[in-house]
Amino acid sequence: MKAYKGFNKDMTCRGFQFKEGETYTEDRAELCKSGFHACEDPLNVMDYYSPADGSIYREVELDEVCEKRSNDSKIVAKKITIGAEIGIPGLVKAHIECITQTVEKDAAQIGSSGYYAKIGSSGDDAQIGSSGRYAQIGSSGDDAKIGSSGYYAKIGSSGDDAKIGSSGYYAKIGSSGDDAQIGSSGYYAQIGSSGDDAKIGSSGYYAKIGSSGRYAQIGSSGDDAQIECFADHAVIVCAGKRGQIKAPIGTWITLAEYGEYDGVGVPCKCVKSAIVDGKNIKADTWYKLENGEFVEVSDDEENDK
């Protein structure tokens, strides 16, 4: 069966080295214990390999799949064949196809206030809204406007000029079109964009944001945010406590540093901006703000995230 799997940048997963086109086998397949794991739901992969960590995504073929299922779409098999890298655009496209097929089967309506809504649209200028929990929304047309206020939303758009908003916790949002405008106010948001000129904002805690398009403008006001940008000439602001940023040369980064609780709140001590020039600020390196200076994040601190 077809599934989707995330990997580290070097094509490893939990220390095991994979290669494209190769087939691997294990004697046993038991969830979270042995065998080869992947996800049936394309966007579910980001739960395990965040776009903000530089993860890569591939389509895989599984054989001898264990019948036992987890509480999400993760499955495990004795045999796996590694397919081509599809990236965030591929995950979004696959997600939209899955949701559209489900909608066609269930004859669901666009516009839903109930839980577990599944909504798909392939036409241009779609306007889709859902207020229920666990919504799965996909749109492949241009100029889509998508909004969800429920928890655990999974939203994907592959058209240009998409406007996507989610206020629920644990949102997973992916857009592969240019000029996307993405906003999330819920905690634990995972946001990925591969189009140019993306504008991404998150106010929830623990956000993980990744953008590979050019000229991205990314801002997060929530605490413990991790923002990684692969884009040229981007501008990144991480204004919450304990924020971390990683970006390429030519990107402007801004971080904030906070003091201790003073009985009223936690005052901001310093806000500092710098350009990633490869000398004072290294490219593709995680930074935090400490004592008013940009400091490299240790491996332990990065893993804690």
C-alpha atoms as a PDB file:
ATOM      1  CA  MET A   1       0.000   0.000   0.000  1.00  0.00           C
ATOM      2  CA  LYS A   2       1.069   3.596  -0.626  1.00  0.00           C
ATOM      3  CA  ALA A   3       2.039   5.749   2.342  1.00  0.00           C
ATOM      4  CA  TYR A   4       4.151   8.792   3.252  1.00  0.00           C
ATOM      5  CA  LYS A   5       7.286   8.950   5.357  1.00  0.00           C
ATOM      6  CA  GLY A   6       9.494  11.677   6.765  1.00  0.00           C
ATOM      7  CA  PHE A   7      13.269  11.581   7.089  1.00  0.00           C
ATOM      8  CA  ASN A   8      16.090  13.697   8.422  1.00  0.00           C
ATOM      9  CA  LYS A   9      17.978  15.748   5.829  1.00  0.00           C
ATOM     10  CA  ASP A  10      20.533  12.943   5.401  1.00  0.00           C
ATOM     11  CA  MET A  11      17.818  10.342   4.694  1.00  0.00           C
ATOM     12  CA  THR A  12      18.087   8.749   8.122  1.00  0.00           C
ATOM     13  CA  CYS A  13      15.238   7.830  10.447  1.00  0.00           C
ATOM     14  CA  ARG A  14      16.067   6.935  14.045  1.00  0.00           C
ATOM     15  CA  GLY A  15      19.644   6.192  13.044  1.00  0.00           C
ATOM     16  CA  PHE A  16      18.758   3.913  10.102  1.00  0.00           C
ATOM     17  CA  GLN A  17      20.130   5.008   6.717  1.00  0.00           C
ATOM     18  CA  PHE A  18      17.688   4.809   3.796  1.00  0.00           C
ATOM     19  CA  LYS A  19      18.282   5.279   0.065  1.00  0.00           C
ATOM     20  CA  GLU A  20      15.868   6.136  -2.723  1.00  0.00           C
ATOM     21  CA  GLY A  21      14.682   3.149  -4.726  1.00  0.00           C
ATOM     22  CA  GLU A  22      15.859   0.598  -2.172  1.00  0.00           C
ATOM     23  CA  THR A  23      13.680  -2.011  -0.470  1.00  0.00           C
ATOM     24  CA  TYR A  24      14.199  -2.968   3.177  1.00  0.00           C
ATOM     25  CA  THR A  25      12.731  -5.784   5.258  1.00  0.00           C
ATOM     26  CA  GLU A  26      12.323  -6.591   8.963  1.00  0.00           C
ATOM     27  CA  ASP A  27      11.267  -9.825  10.639  1.00  0.00           C
ATOM     28  CA  ARG A  28       8.694  -8.100  12.874  1.00  0.00           C
ATOM     29  CA  ALA A  29       6.283  -5.184  12.515  1.00  0.00           C
ATOM     30  CA  GLU A  30       4.912  -3.736  15.748  1.00  0.00           C
ATOM     31  CA  LEU A  31       3.798  -0.122  16.189  1.00  0.00           C
ATOM     32  CA  CYS A  32       6.450   2.091  17.802  1.00  0.00           C
ATOM     33  CA  LYS A  33       8.651  -0.937  18.463  1.00  0.00           C
ATOM     34  CA  SER A  34       9.822  -2.637  15.274  1.00  0.00           C
ATOM     35  CA  GLY A  35       9.370  -2.502  11.522  1.00  0.00           C
ATOM     36  CA  PHE A  36       9.093   0.437   9.131  1.00  0.00           C
ATOM     37  CA  HIS A  37       6.688   3.238  10.006  1.00  0.00           C
ATOM     38  CA  ALA A  38       4.890   5.657   7.700  1.00  0.00           C
ATOM     39  CA  CYS A  39       1.582   7.569   7.551  1.00  0.00           C
ATOM     40  CA  GLU A  40      -1.484   7.071   5.387  1.00  0.00           C
ATOM     41  CA  ASP A  41      -2.463  10.739   5.854  1.00  0.00           C
ATOM     42  CA  PRO A  42       0.159  12.883   4.053  1.00  0.00           C
ATOM     43  CA  LEU A  43       0.027  15.840   6.477  1.00  0.00           C
ATOM     44  CA  ASN A  44       0.216  13.489   9.470  1.00  0.00           C
ATOM     45  CA  VAL A  45       3.886  13.001   8.560  1.00  0.00           C
ATOM     46  CA  MET A  46       4.614  16.491   9.905  1.00  0.00           C
ATOM     47  CA  ASP A  47       3.682  15.256  13.395  1.00  0.00           C
ATOM     48  CA  TYR A  48       6.827  13.173  13.372  1.00  0.00           C
ATOM     49  CA  TYR A  49       9.114  15.163  11.061  1.00  0.00           C
ATOM     50  CA  SER A  50       8.490  18.899  11.221  1.00  0.00           C
ATOM     51  CA  PRO A  51       9.216  21.122   8.182  1.00  0.00           C
ATOM     52  CA  ALA A  52      10.951  23.516  10.581  1.00  0.00           C
ATOM     53  CA  ASP A  53      13.625  20.870  11.210  1.00  0.00           C
ATOM     54  CA  GLY A  54      14.593  20.651   7.540  1.00  0.00           C
ATOM     55  CA  SER A  55      12.837  17.293   7.183  1.00  0.00           C
ATOM     56  CA  ILE A  56      12.322  15.694   3.789  1.00  0.00           C
ATOM     57  CA  TYR A  57       9.266  13.737   2.710  1.00  0.00           C
ATOM     58  CA  ARG A  58       8.879  10.747   0.406  1.00  0.00           C
ATOM     59  CA  GLU A  59       6.188   8.501  -0.929  1.00  0.00           C
ATOM     60  CA  VAL A  60       6.810   4.887   0.070  1.00  0.00           C
ATOM     61  CA  GLU A  61       5.329   1.481  -0.664  1.00  0.00           C
ATOM     62  CA  LEU A  62       4.587  -0.811   2.291  1.00  0.00           C
ATOM     63  CA  ASP A  63       4.072  -4.566   2.272  1.00  0.00           C
ATOM     64  CA  GLU A  64       3.021  -6.928   5.067  1.00  0.00           C
ATOM     65  CA  VAL A  65       1.379  -4.090   7.003  1.00  0.00           C
ATOM     66  CA  CYS A  66       0.461  -4.750  10.624  1.00  0.00           C
ATOM     67  CA  GLU A  67      -3.311  -4.687  11.206  1.00  0.00           C
ATOM     68  CA  LYS A  68      -3.000  -2.750  14.464  1.00  0.00           C
ATOM     69  CA  ARG A  69      -3.496   1.013  14.081  1.00  0.00           C
ATOM     70  CA  SER A  70      -2.409   3.982  16.190  1.00  0.00           C
ATOM     71  CA  ASN A  71      -4.704   6.863  17.169  1.00  0.00           C
ATOM     72  CA  ASP A  72      -3.621   8.715  14.020  1.00  0.00           C
ATOM     73  CA  SER A  73      -2.767   7.406  10.539  1.00  0.00           C
ATOM     74  CA  LYS A  74       0.650   5.950  11.432  1.00  0.00           C
ATOM     75  CA  ILE A  75       1.105   2.351  10.308  1.00  0.00           C
ATOM     76  CA  VAL A  76       3.962  -0.151  10.377  1.00  0.00           C
ATOM     77  CA  ALA A  77       5.080  -2.844   7.951  1.00  0.00           C
ATOM     78  CA  LYS A  78       7.735  -5.505   7.554  1.00  0.00           C
ATOM     79  CA  LYS A  79       8.722  -4.276   4.099  1.00  0.00           C
ATOM     80  CA  ILE A  80       9.234  -0.788   2.682  1.00  0.00           C
ATOM     81  CA  THR A  81      10.333   0.572  -0.696  1.00  0.00           C
ATOM     82  CA  ILE A  82      11.556   4.181  -0.763  1.00  0.00           C
ATOM     83  CA  GLY A  83      10.060   6.353  -3.481  1.00  0.00           C
ATOM     84  CA  ALA A  84      10.885   9.820  -4.783  1.00  0.00           C
ATOM     85  CA  GLU A  85      11.095  12.929  -2.611  1.00  0.00           C
ATOM     86  CA  ILE A  86       7.869  14.934  -2.842  1.00  0.00           C
ATOM     87  CA  GLY A  87       8.469  17.786  -0.373  1.00  0.00           C
ATOM     88  CA  ILE A  88       5.761  19.974   1.146  1.00  0.00           C
ATOM     89  CA  PRO A  89       4.068  20.564  -2.259  1.00  0.00           C
ATOM     90  CA  GLY A  90       3.778  16.812  -2.733  1.00  0.00           C
ATOM     91  CA  LEU A  91       2.318  16.315   0.745  1.00  0.00           C
ATOM     92  CA  VAL A  92      -0.223  19.080   0.143  1.00  0.00           C
ATOM     93  CA  LYS A  93      -1.186  17.683  -3.274  1.00  0.00           C
ATOM     94  CA  ALA A  94      -1.544  14.158  -1.880  1.00  0.00           C
ATOM     95  CA  HIS A  95      -3.590  15.463   1.077  1.00  0.00           C
ATOM     96  CA  ILE A  96      -5.945  17.304  -1.252  1.00  0.00           C
ATOM     97  CA  GLU A  97      -6.395  14.206  -3.414  1.00  0.00           C
ATOM     98  CA  CYS A  98      -7.182  12.073  -0.353  1.00  0.00           C
ATOM     99  CA  ILE A  99      -9.714  14.557   1.007  1.00  0.00           C
ATOM    100  CA  THR A 100     -11.335  15.130  -2.392  1.00  0.00           C
ATOM    101  CA  GLN A 101     -11.787  11.387  -2.883  1.00  0.00           C
ATOM    102  CA  THR A 102     -13.343  11.086   0.572  1.00  0.00           C
ATOM    103  CA  VAL A 103     -15.672  14.021  -0.101  1.00  0.00           C
ATOM    104  CA  GLU A 104     -16.802  12.503  -3.386  1.00  0.00           C
ATOM    105  CA  LYS A 105     -17.621   9.256  -1.586  1.00  0.00           C
ATOM    106  CA  ASP A 106     -19.425  10.903   1.313  1.00  0.00           C
ATOM    107  CA  ALA A 107     -21.072  13.721  -0.693  1.00  0.00           C
ATOM    108  CA  ALA A 108     -19.981  16.193   1.978  1.00  0.00           C
ATOM    109  CA  GLN A 109     -20.915  19.857   1.761  1.00  0.00           C
ATOM    110  CA  ILE A 110     -18.479  22.779   1.642  1.00  0.00           C
ATOM    111  CA  GLY A 111     -18.999  24.753   4.809  1.00  0.00           C
ATOM    112  CA  SER A 112     -19.255  22.730   7.983  1.00  0.00           C
ATOM    113  CA  SER A 113     -19.747  23.357  11.696  1.00  0.00           C
ATOM    114  CA  GLY A 114     -19.652  19.710  12.756  1.00  0.00           C
ATOM    115  CA  TYR A 115     -16.751  17.655  14.061  1.00  0.00           C
ATOM    116  CA  TYR A 116     -14.567  15.530  11.766  1.00  0.00           C
ATOM    117  CA  ALA A 117     -15.452  17.527   8.654  1.00  0.00           C
ATOM    118  CA  LYS A 118     -13.644  16.564   5.428  1.00  0.00           C
ATOM    119  CA  ILE A 119     -13.811  19.228   2.750  1.00  0.00           C
ATOM    120  CA  GLY A 120     -12.216  19.250  -0.701  1.00  0.00           C
ATOM    121  CA  SER A 121     -12.267  21.761  -3.537  1.00  0.00           C
ATOM    122  CA  SER A 122     -10.425  21.744  -6.869  1.00  0.00           C
ATOM    123  CA  GLY A 123     -11.911  24.919  -8.373  1.00  0.00           C
ATOM    124  CA  ASP A 124     -10.528  28.459  -8.343  1.00  0.00           C
ATOM    125  CA  ASP A 125     -11.665  31.149  -5.896  1.00  0.00           C
ATOM    126  CA  ALA A 126     -12.966  28.624  -3.375  1.00  0.00           C
ATOM    127  CA  GLN A 127     -14.137  29.940   0.001  1.00  0.00           C
ATOM    128  CA  ILE A 128     -14.207  27.217   2.637  1.00  0.00           C
ATOM    129  CA  GLY A 129     -15.042  27.496   6.319  1.00  0.00           C
ATOM    130  CA  SER A 130     -15.173  24.974   9.137  1.00  0.00           C
ATOM    131  CA  SER A 131     -15.793  25.539  12.844  1.00  0.00           C
ATOM    132  CA  GLY A 132     -15.747  21.910  13.984  1.00  0.00           C
ATOM    133  CA  ARG A 133     -12.866  19.948  15.451  1.00  0.00           C
ATOM    134  CA  TYR A 134     -10.602  17.608  13.473  1.00  0.00           C
ATOM    135  CA  ALA A 135     -11.355  19.341  10.169  1.00  0.00           C
ATOM    136  CA  GLN A 136      -9.418  18.232   7.087  1.00  0.00           C
ATOM    137  CA  ILE A 137      -9.576  20.818   4.325  1.00  0.00           C
ATOM    138  CA  GLY A 138      -7.953  20.727   0.895  1.00  0.00           C
ATOM    139  CA  SER A 139      -8.058  23.115  -2.040  1.00  0.00           C
ATOM    140  CA  SER A 140      -6.115  22.930  -5.298  1.00  0.00           C
ATOM    141  CA  GLY A 141      -7.547  26.036  -6.986  1.00  0.00           C
ATOM    142  CA  ASP A 142      -6.092  29.552  -7.040  1.00  0.00           C
ATOM    143  CA  ASP A 143      -7.213  32.373  -4.732  1.00  0.00           C
ATOM    144  CA  ALA A 144      -8.660  30.006  -2.154  1.00  0.00           C
ATOM    145  CA  LYS A 145      -9.812  31.421   1.197  1.00  0.00           C
ATOM    146  CA  ILE A 146      -9.828  28.778   3.924  1.00  0.00           C
ATOM    147  CA  GLY A 147     -10.691  29.221   7.568  1.00  0.00           C
ATOM    148  CA  SER A 148     -10.959  26.771  10.452  1.00  0.00           C
ATOM    149  CA  SER A 149     -11.623  27.485  14.120  1.00  0.00           C
ATOM    150  CA  GLY A 150     -11.650  23.902  15.381  1.00  0.00           C
ATOM    151  CA  TYR A 151      -8.858  21.940  17.040  1.00  0.00           C
ATOM    152  CA  TYR A 152      -6.532  19.602  15.126  1.00  0.00           C
ATOM    153  CA  ALA A 153      -7.240  21.175  11.744  1.00  0.00           C
ATOM    154  CA  LYS A 154      -5.261  19.937   8.724  1.00  0.00           C
ATOM    155  CA  ILE A 155      -5.343  22.428   5.887  1.00  0.00           C
ATOM    156  CA  GLY A 156      -3.650  22.162   2.508  1.00  0.00           C
ATOM    157  CA  SER A 157      -3.710  24.472  -0.497  1.00  0.00           C
ATOM    158  CA  SER A 158      -1.714  24.134  -3.717  1.00  0.00           C
ATOM    159  CA  GLY A 159      -3.089  27.182  -5.558  1.00  0.00           C
ATOM    160  CA  ASP A 160      -1.602  30.678  -5.742  1.00  0.00           C
ATOM    161  CA  ASP A 161      -2.717  33.575  -3.550  1.00  0.00           C
ATOM    162  CA  ALA A 162      -4.239  31.318  -0.905  1.00  0.00           C
ATOM    163  CA  LYS A 163      -5.389  32.886   2.359  1.00  0.00           C
ATOM    164  CA  ILE A 164      -5.458  30.347   5.174  1.00  0.00           C
ATOM    165  CA  GLY A 165      -6.395  30.926   8.787  1.00  0.00           C
ATOM    166  CA  SER A 166      -6.730  28.586  11.756  1.00  0.00           C
ATOM    167  CA  SER A 167      -7.468  29.432  15.384  1.00  0.00           C
ATOM    168  CA  GLY A 168      -7.536  25.904  16.788  1.00  0.00           C
ATOM    169  CA  TYR A 169      -4.773  24.045  18.597  1.00  0.00           C
ATOM    170  CA  TYR A 170      -2.432  21.603  16.825  1.00  0.00           C
ATOM    171  CA  ALA A 171      -3.120  23.009  13.363  1.00  0.00           C
ATOM    172  CA  LYS A 172      -1.082  21.659  10.444  1.00  0.00           C
ATOM    173  CA  ILE A 173      -1.076  24.034   7.500  1.00  0.00           C
ATOM    174  CA  GLY A 174       0.663  23.554   4.162  1.00  0.00           C
ATOM    175  CA  SER A 175       0.671  25.760   1.083  1.00  0.00           C
ATOM    176  CA  SER A 176       2.661  25.263  -2.117  1.00  0.00           C
ATOM    177  CA  GLY A 177       1.356  28.246  -4.109  1.00  0.00           C
ATOM    178  CA  ASP A 178       2.901  31.692  -4.437  1.00  0.00           C
ATOM    179  CA  ASP A 179       1.778  34.723  -2.405  1.00  0.00           C
ATOM    180  CA  ALA A 180       0.208  32.609   0.341  1.00  0.00           C
ATOM    181  CA  GLN A 181      -1.002  34.360   3.481  1.00  0.00           C
ATOM    182  CA  ILE A 182      -1.142  31.956   6.425  1.00  0.00           C
ATOM    183  CA  GLY A 183      -2.164  32.720   9.982  1.00  0.00           C
ATOM    184  CA  SER A 184      -2.541  30.514  13.043  1.00  0.00           C
ATOM    185  CA  SER A 185      -3.405  31.528  16.599  1.00  0.00           C
ATOM    186  CA  GLY A 186      -3.535  28.072  18.160  1.00  0.00           C
ATOM    187  CA  TYR A 187      -0.814  26.305  20.119  1.00  0.00           C
ATOM    188  CA  TYR A 188       1.587  23.768  18.547  1.00  0.00           C
ATOM    189  CA  ALA A 189       0.969  24.954  14.992  1.00  0.00           C
ATOM    190  CA  GLN A 190       3.081  23.401  12.233  1.00  0.00           C
ATOM    191  CA  ILE A 191       3.174  25.583   9.133  1.00  0.00           C
ATOM    192  CA  GLY A 192       4.965  24.876   5.864  1.00  0.00           C
ATOM    193  CA  SER A 193       5.039  26.988   2.724  1.00  0.00           C
ATOM    194  CA  SER A 194       7.020  26.386  -0.476  1.00  0.00           C
ATOM    195  CA  GLY A 195       5.728  29.278  -2.596  1.00  0.00           C
ATOM    196  CA  ASP A 196       7.301  32.698  -3.112  1.00  0.00           C
ATOM    197  CA  ASP A 197       6.239  35.834  -1.234  1.00  0.00           C
ATOM    198  CA  ALA A 198       4.586  33.908   1.592  1.00  0.00           C
ATOM    199  CA  LYS A 199       3.362  35.865   4.624  1.00  0.00           C
ATOM    200  CA  ILE A 200       3.113  33.642   7.686  1.00  0.00           C
ATOM    201  CA  GLY A 201       2.015  34.631  11.161  1.00  0.00           C
ATOM    202  CA  SER A 202       1.563  32.583  14.310  1.00  0.00           C
ATOM    203  CA  SER A 203       0.585  33.761  17.794  1.00  0.00           C
ATOM    204  CA  GLY A 204       0.377  30.376  19.496  1.00  0.00           C
ATOM    205  CA  TYR A 205       3.033  28.680  21.595  1.00  0.00           C
ATOM    206  CA  TYR A 206       5.488  26.065  20.285  1.00  0.00           C
ATOM    207  CA  ALA A 207       4.947  26.940  16.626  1.00  0.00           C
ATOM    208  CA  LYS A 208       7.193  25.241  14.064  1.00  0.00           C
ATOM    209  CA  ILE A 209       7.332  27.181  10.817  1.00  0.00           C
ATOM    210  CA  GLY A 210       9.207  26.341   7.632  1.00  0.00           C
ATOM    211  CA  SER A 211       9.301  28.242   4.343  1.00  0.00           C
ATOM    212  CA  SER A 212      11.271  27.379   1.198  1.00  0.00           C
ATOM    213  CA  GLY A 213      10.011  30.116  -1.115  1.00  0.00           C
ATOM    214  CA  ARG A 214      11.683  33.445  -1.781  1.00  0.00           C
ATOM    215  CA  TYR A 215      10.865  36.729  -0.059  1.00  0.00           C
ATOM    216  CA  ALA A 216       8.946  35.133   2.788  1.00  0.00           C
ATOM    217  CA  GLN A 217       7.790  37.304   5.697  1.00  0.00           C
ATOM    218  CA  ILE A 218       7.428  35.196   8.831  1.00  0.00           C
ATOM    219  CA  GLY A 219       6.402  36.334  12.280  1.00  0.00           C
ATOM    220  CA  SER A 220       5.657  34.517  15.523  1.00  0.00           C
ATOM    221  CA  SER A 221       4.629  36.103  18.820  1.00  0.00           C
ATOM    222  CA  GLY A 222       4.131  32.865  20.737  1.00  0.00           C
ATOM    223  CA  ASP A 223       6.654  31.372  23.149  1.00  0.00           C
ATOM    224  CA  ASP A 224       9.099  28.575  22.283  1.00  0.00           C
ATOM    225  CA  ALA A 225       8.679  29.038  18.547  1.00  0.00           C
ATOM    226  CA  GLN A 226      11.141  27.483  16.080  1.00  0.00           C
ATOM    227  CA  ILE A 227      11.324  29.116  12.672  1.00  0.00           C
ATOM    228  CA  GLU A 228      13.459  27.729   9.862  1.00  0.00           C
ATOM    229  CA  CYS A 229      13.640  29.455   6.513  1.00  0.00           C
ATOM    230  CA  PHE A 230      15.185  28.135   3.294  1.00  0.00           C
ATOM    231  CA  ALA A 231      14.160  31.244   1.379  1.00  0.00           C
ATOM    232  CA  ASP A 232      16.313  33.994  -0.107  1.00  0.00           C
ATOM    233  CA  HIS A 233      15.853  37.567   1.111  1.00  0.00           C
ATOM    234  CA  ALA A 234      13.312  36.656   3.769  1.00  0.00           C
ATOM    235  CA  VAL A 235      12.460  38.618   6.919  1.00  0.00           C
ATOM    236  CA  ILE A 236      11.839  36.600  10.104  1.00  0.00           C
ATOM    237  CA  VAL A 237      10.641  37.903  13.468  1.00  0.00           C
ATOM    238  CA  CYS A 238      10.325  35.651  16.512  1.00  0.00           C
ATOM    239  CA  ALA A 239       9.015  37.890  19.306  1.00  0.00           C
ATOM    240  CA  GLY A 240       8.063  35.307  21.922  1.00  0.00           C
ATOM    241  CA  LYS A 241      10.111  33.899  24.782  1.00  0.00           C
ATOM    242  CA  ARG A 242      12.878  31.386  24.030  1.00  0.00           C
ATOM    243  CA  GLY A 243      12.469  31.724  20.280  1.00  0.00           C
ATOM    244  CA  GLN A 244      14.917  30.132  17.848  1.00  0.00           C
ATOM    245  CA  ILE A 245      15.645  30.991  14.208  1.00  0.00           C
ATOM    246  CA  LYS A 246      17.641  29.313  11.422  1.00  0.00           C
ATOM    247  CA  ALA A 247      18.010  30.996   8.030  1.00  0.00           C
ATOM    248  CA  PRO A 248      20.225  31.284   4.916  1.00  0.00           C
ATOM    249  CA  ILE A 249      22.560  34.139   4.000  1.00  0.00           C
ATOM    250  CA  GLY A 250      20.762  37.356   3.128  1.00  0.00           C
ATOM    251  CA  THR A 251      17.885  36.852   5.557  1.00  0.00           C
ATOM    252  CA  TRP A 252      17.112  39.412   8.264  1.00  0.00           C
ATOM    253  CA  ILE A 253      16.311  37.834  11.618  1.00  0.00           C
ATOM    254  CA  THR A 254      14.842  39.385  14.764  1.00  0.00           C
ATOM    255  CA  LEU A 255      14.667  37.805  18.223  1.00  0.00           C
ATOM    256  CA  ALA A 256      13.452  38.977  21.639  1.00  0.00           C
ATOM    257  CA  GLU A 257      14.851  38.260  25.098  1.00  0.00           C
ATOM    258  CA  TYR A 258      12.837  38.349  28.327  1.00  0.00           C
ATOM    259  CA  GLY A 259      13.638  38.779  32.005  1.00  0.00           C
ATOM    260  CA  GLU A 260      12.086  37.208  35.086  1.00  0.00           C
ATOM    261  CA  TYR A 261       8.518  37.515  36.329  1.00  0.00           C
ATOM    262  CA  ASP A 262       8.185  40.800  38.243  1.00  0.00           C
ATOM    263  CA  GLY A 263       4.813  40.245  39.894  1.00  0.00           C
ATOM    264  CA  VAL A 264       2.906  41.700  36.973  1.00  0.00           C
ATOM    265  CA  GLY A 265       4.395  40.022  33.939  1.00  0.00           C
ATOM    266  CA  VAL A 266       7.626  38.992  32.228  1.00  0.00           C
ATOM    267  CA  PRO A 267       9.275  42.138  30.805  1.00  0.00           C
ATOM    268  CA  CYS A 268      11.076  42.157  27.482  1.00  0.00           C
ATOM    269  CA  LYS A 269      14.769  43.029  28.051  1.00  0.00           C
ATOM    270  CA  CYS A 270      15.952  43.292  24.474  1.00  0.00           C
ATOM    271  CA  VAL A 271      14.870  43.025  20.846  1.00  0.00           C
ATOM    272  CA  LYS A 272      17.661  42.636  18.309  1.00  0.00           C
ATOM    273  CA  SER A 273      17.897  42.290  14.535  1.00  0.00           C
ATOM    274  CA  ALA A 274      20.741  41.180  12.299  1.00  0.00           C
ATOM    275  CA  ILE A 275      21.352  39.950   8.794  1.00  0.00           C
ATOM    276  CA  VAL A 276      22.655  36.428   8.241  1.00  0.00           C
ATOM    277  CA  ASP A 277      25.991  37.304   6.629  1.00  0.00           C
ATOM    278  CA  GLY A 278      27.876  34.024   7.059  1.00  0.00           C
ATOM    279  CA  LYS A 279      30.423  35.656   9.386  1.00  0.00           C
ATOM    280  CA  ASN A 280      28.828  37.260  12.434  1.00  0.00           C
ATOM    281  CA  ILE A 281      25.668  35.219  11.964  1.00  0.00           C
ATOM    282  CA  LYS A 282      26.183  31.832  10.313  1.00  0.00           C
ATOM    283  CA  ALA A 283      23.863  30.424   7.682  1.00  0.00           C
ATOM    284  CA  ASP A 284      21.687  27.391   8.446  1.00  0.00           C
ATOM    285  CA  THR A 285      22.482  27.556  12.177  1.00  0.00           C
ATOM    286  CA  TRP A 286      19.967  27.823  15.004  1.00  0.00           C
ATOM    287  CA  TYR A 287      20.259  31.052  17.030  1.00  0.00           C
ATOM    288  CA  LYS A 288      18.696  32.388  20.205  1.00  0.00           C
ATOM    289  CA  LEU A 289      19.120  35.741  21.996  1.00  0.00           C
ATOM    290  CA  GLU A 290      21.079  35.656  25.245  1.00  0.00           C
ATOM    291  CA  ASN A 291      22.337  38.698  27.184  1.00  0.00           C
ATOM    292  CA  GLY A 292      21.516  40.865  24.188  1.00  0.00           C
ATOM    293  CA  GLU A 293      23.610  38.826  21.753  1.00  0.00           C
ATOM    294  CA  PHE A 294      22.872  36.196  19.126  1.00  0.00           C
ATOM    295  CA  VAL A 295      24.112  32.848  20.448  1.00  0.00           C
ATOM    296  CA  GLU A 296      24.234  29.493  18.674  1.00  0.00           C
ATOM    297  CA  VAL A 297      21.800  26.931  20.053  1.00  0.00           C
ATOM    298  CA  SER A 298      23.414  23.780  21.399  1.00  0.00           C
ATOM    299  CA  ASP A 299      22.429  20.351  20.089  1.00  0.00           C
ATOM    300  CA  ASP A 300      20.785  19.521  23.421  1.00  0.00           C
ATOM    301  CA  GLU A 301      18.658  22.690  23.361  1.00  0.00           C
ATOM    302  CA  GLU A 302      17.633  22.024  19.756  1.00  0.00           C
ATOM    303  CA  ASN A 303      16.624  18.453  20.535  1.00  0.00           C
ATOM    304  CA  ASP A 304      14.575  19.635  23.517  1.00  0.00           C
ATOM    305  CA  LYS A 305      12.316  21.447  21.119  1.00  0.00           C
END
